[in-house]
Amino acid sequence: AKVAALEAQAEQRKAPSGRVLEDWQREAMIARLRQESGPTKDVWFVRVANDPEAAAFERSLRSAFEEAGWRVRASKVAGFPLRAGVFFLAADETPPSYVDTALGALTDAGIEVSSGRGYRAFYEQRKRENPNWRGIDFAPDQDYVIAIGPAPKPEADEQ
């Protein structure tokens, strides 16, 4: 709890720069998320530790989901380094429709997302092969996660 409080204080002192959810992106996300007519509208987040920019970006995404009426089931800090970028990992090869809606909301907003399906089986296989392997562990009822890594470094030709 003490570490979380210190991290929150550090985030407040540092003005996040980098990824920002523009108004049009937020509106696009909310519009897509509100189209989901199924009974489940859950979202799970995990983000890289000690990165105020990633924390601020995750909060802005989380806020859009909440405004659209979705339930945030988890917002955790990863216990290991994450690659730069935004990752959308579906637990199963054929996820429920609301999972595709969540991914569609990110892509409608123009957010560059690396996505994959079948992560639960991948995770279990990797853990069998190497018990020390670290990945994002899914809860039994978790269908996906949005993982927020550090902001990608600008490409050389974009500078």
Foldseek 3Di string as FASTA:
>chain_A
DVVVVVLVVVLVVDDADDDDQDPVLLVLLLVLLLPDPDPAQEAEEEEEPPASNLVVVVVSLVVSSVVSPHHYPYYYYFPDADDAFKEKEFQAPDFDPNSVSNVVSCVSSVGDYHYDYNVNVVVVVVCVVPVPDDDDHDDPPDGIHIYHHHHDDDDPVVD
